[in-house]
Amino acid sequence: MPNSTWIGVAGFIGRETLLEDGAFIGSNVNLIAPVVVKSNAYICAGTTVDKNVEADEFVIGRVRQESKPQRAKAYLNKNND
């Protein structure tokens, strides 16, 4: 499971993540407990999962890039004042 993050609250019973056999977790995936990823499910890279994933389900949850020309300098200046 390359570069995946499992997010949970330490010490809380029932806040665990379960991965069944054959589940594929792509790079840079965030699994927010409690979730169950059932057998042979496929979660694409960069996806944040906060709901259970059914068997043989294909999950993708990314937002497309949005570029704002000529906005970086104004953003950086606003946040450094």
N, C-alpha and C. Protein backbone atom coordinates (compact mmCIF):
# COMPACT_ATOMS: atom_id res chain seq x y z
N MET A 1 0.84 -1.16 0.00
CA MET A 1 0.00 0.00 0.00
C MET A 1 0.90 1.24 0.00
N PRO A 2 1.28 1.75 -1.15
CA PRO A 2 2.23 2.86 -1.21
C PRO A 2 1.61 4.19 -0.81
N ASN A 3 2.29 4.92 0.06
CA ASN A 3 1.91 6.30 0.41
C ASN A 3 0.44 6.48 0.74
N SER A 4 -0.13 5.61 1.53
CA SER A 4 -1.53 5.75 1.94
C SER A 4 -1.58 6.25 3.38
N THR A 5 -2.63 6.96 3.71
CA THR A 5 -2.81 7.47 5.06
C THR A 5 -4.09 6.90 5.65
N TRP A 6 -3.99 6.35 6.83
CA TRP A 6 -5.16 5.85 7.54
C TRP A 6 -5.44 6.85 8.65
N ILE A 7 -6.61 7.47 8.60
CA ILE A 7 -6.93 8.52 9.55
C ILE A 7 -7.99 8.01 10.52
N GLY A 8 -7.68 8.04 11.79
CA GLY A 8 -8.62 7.58 12.80
C GLY A 8 -8.39 8.34 14.09
N VAL A 9 -9.19 8.04 15.08
CA VAL A 9 -9.04 8.68 16.37
C VAL A 9 -8.56 7.63 17.35
N ALA A 10 -7.35 7.79 17.84
CA ALA A 10 -6.75 6.79 18.73
C ALA A 10 -7.60 6.61 19.99
N GLY A 11 -7.78 5.36 20.38
CA GLY A 11 -8.46 5.07 21.62
C GLY A 11 -9.96 4.90 21.52
N PHE A 12 -10.54 5.13 20.36
CA PHE A 12 -11.98 4.98 20.21
C PHE A 12 -12.29 3.60 19.64
N ILE A 13 -13.06 2.82 20.37
CA ILE A 13 -13.44 1.49 19.93
C ILE A 13 -14.39 1.61 18.73
N GLY A 14 -14.21 0.76 17.73
CA GLY A 14 -15.08 0.77 16.57
C GLY A 14 -14.69 1.79 15.52
N ARG A 15 -13.57 2.47 15.69
CA ARG A 15 -13.12 3.46 14.72
C ARG A 15 -11.97 2.88 13.90
N GLU A 16 -12.12 1.66 13.44
CA GLU A 16 -11.04 1.02 12.71
C GLU A 16 -11.36 0.88 11.23
N THR A 17 -10.33 0.71 10.45
CA THR A 17 -10.46 0.50 9.02
C THR A 17 -10.16 -0.96 8.73
N LEU A 18 -11.00 -1.60 7.93
CA LEU A 18 -10.83 -3.01 7.59
C LEU A 18 -10.65 -3.14 6.08
N LEU A 19 -9.58 -3.80 5.67
CA LEU A 19 -9.33 -4.09 4.26
C LEU A 19 -9.48 -5.59 4.05
N GLU A 20 -10.39 -5.97 3.15
CA GLU A 20 -10.57 -7.38 2.85
C GLU A 20 -9.60 -7.82 1.76
N ASP A 21 -9.47 -9.13 1.59
CA ASP A 21 -8.53 -9.71 0.62
C ASP A 21 -8.77 -9.16 -0.79
N GLY A 22 -7.67 -8.85 -1.47
CA GLY A 22 -7.73 -8.43 -2.85
C GLY A 22 -8.05 -6.96 -3.06
N ALA A 23 -8.25 -6.19 -1.99
CA ALA A 23 -8.53 -4.76 -2.13
C ALA A 23 -7.26 -4.05 -2.57
N PHE A 24 -7.40 -3.13 -3.53
CA PHE A 24 -6.25 -2.36 -4.01
C PHE A 24 -6.42 -0.92 -3.55
N ILE A 25 -5.36 -0.39 -2.92
CA ILE A 25 -5.36 0.99 -2.44
C ILE A 25 -4.26 1.72 -3.20
N GLY A 26 -4.63 2.72 -4.00
CA GLY A 26 -3.66 3.47 -4.79
C GLY A 26 -2.81 4.40 -3.94
N SER A 27 -1.81 5.00 -4.57
CA SER A 27 -0.93 5.93 -3.88
C SER A 27 -1.68 7.17 -3.43
N ASN A 28 -1.25 7.70 -2.29
CA ASN A 28 -1.77 8.95 -1.75
C ASN A 28 -3.28 8.90 -1.46
N VAL A 29 -3.76 7.73 -1.05
CA VAL A 29 -5.16 7.56 -0.66
C VAL A 29 -5.29 7.84 0.83
N ASN A 30 -6.37 8.51 1.23
CA ASN A 30 -6.68 8.75 2.64
C ASN A 30 -7.90 7.92 3.00
N LEU A 31 -7.75 7.05 3.99
CA LEU A 31 -8.86 6.24 4.49
C LEU A 31 -9.26 6.82 5.85
N ILE A 32 -10.45 7.40 5.93
CA ILE A 32 -10.91 8.05 7.16
C ILE A 32 -11.82 7.09 7.92
N ALA A 33 -11.33 6.60 9.04
CA ALA A 33 -12.03 5.60 9.84
C ALA A 33 -13.32 6.16 10.43
N PRO A 34 -14.30 5.30 10.61
CA PRO A 34 -14.28 3.87 10.32
C PRO A 34 -14.77 3.59 8.90
N VAL A 35 -14.02 2.83 8.15
CA VAL A 35 -14.45 2.39 6.83
C VAL A 35 -14.08 0.92 6.63
N VAL A 36 -14.85 0.26 5.77
CA VAL A 36 -14.56 -1.11 5.36
C VAL A 36 -14.37 -1.08 3.86
N VAL A 37 -13.25 -1.64 3.39
CA VAL A 37 -12.98 -1.78 1.96
C VAL A 37 -13.08 -3.27 1.67
N LYS A 38 -14.14 -3.66 0.95
CA LYS A 38 -14.42 -5.07 0.74
C LYS A 38 -13.57 -5.67 -0.38
N SER A 39 -13.65 -6.98 -0.52
CA SER A 39 -12.79 -7.74 -1.41
C SER A 39 -12.82 -7.25 -2.85
N ASN A 40 -11.64 -7.21 -3.45
CA ASN A 40 -11.44 -6.84 -4.85
C ASN A 40 -11.92 -5.44 -5.22
N ALA A 41 -12.08 -4.58 -4.22
CA ALA A 41 -12.38 -3.17 -4.50
C ALA A 41 -11.10 -2.51 -5.00
N TYR A 42 -11.25 -1.42 -5.74
CA TYR A 42 -10.11 -0.70 -6.31
C TYR A 42 -10.29 0.78 -6.00
N ILE A 43 -9.36 1.35 -5.24
CA ILE A 43 -9.43 2.77 -4.89
C ILE A 43 -8.29 3.48 -5.62
N CYS A 44 -8.64 4.43 -6.47
CA CYS A 44 -7.67 5.14 -7.30
C CYS A 44 -6.80 6.09 -6.48
N ALA A 45 -5.61 6.34 -6.99
CA ALA A 45 -4.66 7.23 -6.35
C ALA A 45 -5.28 8.60 -6.09
N GLY A 46 -4.94 9.18 -4.93
CA GLY A 46 -5.37 10.52 -4.60
C GLY A 46 -6.78 10.64 -4.06
N THR A 47 -7.46 9.54 -3.85
CA THR A 47 -8.85 9.54 -3.40
C THR A 47 -8.92 9.59 -1.87
N THR A 48 -9.87 10.34 -1.33
CA THR A 48 -10.17 10.31 0.10
C THR A 48 -11.45 9.51 0.28
N VAL A 49 -11.37 8.47 1.12
CA VAL A 49 -12.50 7.56 1.33
C VAL A 49 -13.04 7.77 2.74
N ASP A 50 -14.34 8.12 2.83
CA ASP A 50 -14.97 8.28 4.14
C ASP A 50 -16.25 7.47 4.26
N LYS A 51 -16.51 6.63 3.26
CA LYS A 51 -17.67 5.73 3.28
C LYS A 51 -17.19 4.32 2.92
N ASN A 52 -17.92 3.32 3.34
CA ASN A 52 -17.56 1.94 3.03
C ASN A 52 -17.51 1.73 1.52
N VAL A 53 -16.62 0.83 1.10
CA VAL A 53 -16.45 0.50 -0.31
C VAL A 53 -16.87 -0.95 -0.50
N GLU A 54 -17.82 -1.18 -1.38
CA GLU A 54 -18.36 -2.52 -1.60
C GLU A 54 -17.41 -3.38 -2.42
N ALA A 55 -17.63 -4.68 -2.41
CA ALA A 55 -16.81 -5.63 -3.17
C ALA A 55 -16.86 -5.29 -4.66
N ASP A 56 -15.72 -5.37 -5.31
CA ASP A 56 -15.59 -5.14 -6.75
C ASP A 56 -16.01 -3.73 -7.17
N GLU A 57 -15.95 -2.78 -6.26
CA GLU A 57 -16.31 -1.40 -6.56
C GLU A 57 -15.05 -0.62 -6.96
N PHE A 58 -15.20 0.27 -7.92
CA PHE A 58 -14.13 1.14 -8.41
C PHE A 58 -14.40 2.53 -7.85
N VAL A 59 -13.46 3.08 -7.08
CA VAL A 59 -13.69 4.36 -6.40
C VAL A 59 -12.66 5.39 -6.87
N ILE A 60 -13.16 6.54 -7.31
CA ILE A 60 -12.29 7.65 -7.67
C ILE A 60 -12.94 8.91 -7.14
N GLY A 61 -12.17 9.73 -6.45
CA GLY A 61 -12.74 10.94 -5.85
C GLY A 61 -11.74 12.06 -5.84
N ARG A 62 -11.42 12.57 -7.00
CA ARG A 62 -10.46 13.67 -7.08
C ARG A 62 -11.14 14.86 -7.72
N VAL A 63 -10.66 16.02 -7.36
CA VAL A 63 -11.15 17.27 -7.96
C VAL A 63 -10.18 17.65 -9.06
N ARG A 64 -10.72 18.10 -10.17
CA ARG A 64 -9.86 18.52 -11.28
C ARG A 64 -9.09 19.78 -10.91
N GLN A 65 -7.90 19.89 -11.49
CA GLN A 65 -7.08 21.08 -11.28
C GLN A 65 -7.79 22.30 -11.85
N GLU A 66 -7.71 23.39 -11.11
CA GLU A 66 -8.25 24.67 -11.58
C GLU A 66 -7.14 25.69 -11.46
N SER A 67 -6.76 26.29 -12.56
CA SER A 67 -5.68 27.27 -12.56
C SER A 67 -6.25 28.69 -12.60
N LYS A 68 -5.63 29.58 -11.84
CA LYS A 68 -6.04 30.98 -11.79
C LYS A 68 -4.82 31.81 -12.19
N PRO A 69 -4.75 32.23 -13.45
CA PRO A 69 -3.60 32.99 -13.93
C PRO A 69 -3.38 34.28 -13.14
N GLN A 70 -2.12 34.59 -12.91
CA GLN A 70 -1.72 35.85 -12.27
C GLN A 70 -2.27 36.02 -10.85
N ARG A 71 -2.51 34.93 -10.14
CA ARG A 71 -3.08 35.04 -8.79
C ARG A 71 -2.12 34.63 -7.68
N ALA A 72 -1.03 33.94 -8.00
CA ALA A 72 -0.14 33.41 -6.96
C ALA A 72 0.49 34.52 -6.13
N LYS A 73 1.03 35.53 -6.77
CA LYS A 73 1.71 36.60 -6.03
C LYS A 73 0.74 37.32 -5.09
N ALA A 74 -0.46 37.62 -5.54
CA ALA A 74 -1.46 38.28 -4.70
C ALA A 74 -1.83 37.40 -3.51
N TYR A 75 -1.97 36.11 -3.72
CA TYR A 75 -2.29 35.17 -2.64
C TYR A 75 -1.16 35.13 -1.62
N LEU A 76 0.06 35.01 -2.09
CA LEU A 76 1.20 34.94 -1.17
C LEU A 76 1.38 36.23 -0.38
N ASN A 77 1.20 37.36 -1.04
CA ASN A 77 1.33 38.65 -0.34
C ASN A 77 0.25 38.83 0.72
N LYS A 78 -0.97 38.40 0.41
CA LYS A 78 -2.09 38.52 1.35
C LYS A 78 -1.82 37.70 2.61
N ASN A 79 -1.21 36.52 2.46
CA ASN A 79 -0.99 35.64 3.59
C ASN A 79 0.30 35.93 4.35
N ASN A 80 1.14 36.82 3.86
CA ASN A 80 2.38 37.13 4.54
C ASN A 80 2.36 38.50 5.22
N ASP A 81 1.23 39.15 5.24
CA ASP A 81 1.12 40.48 5.88
C ASP A 81 0.99 40.35 7.37
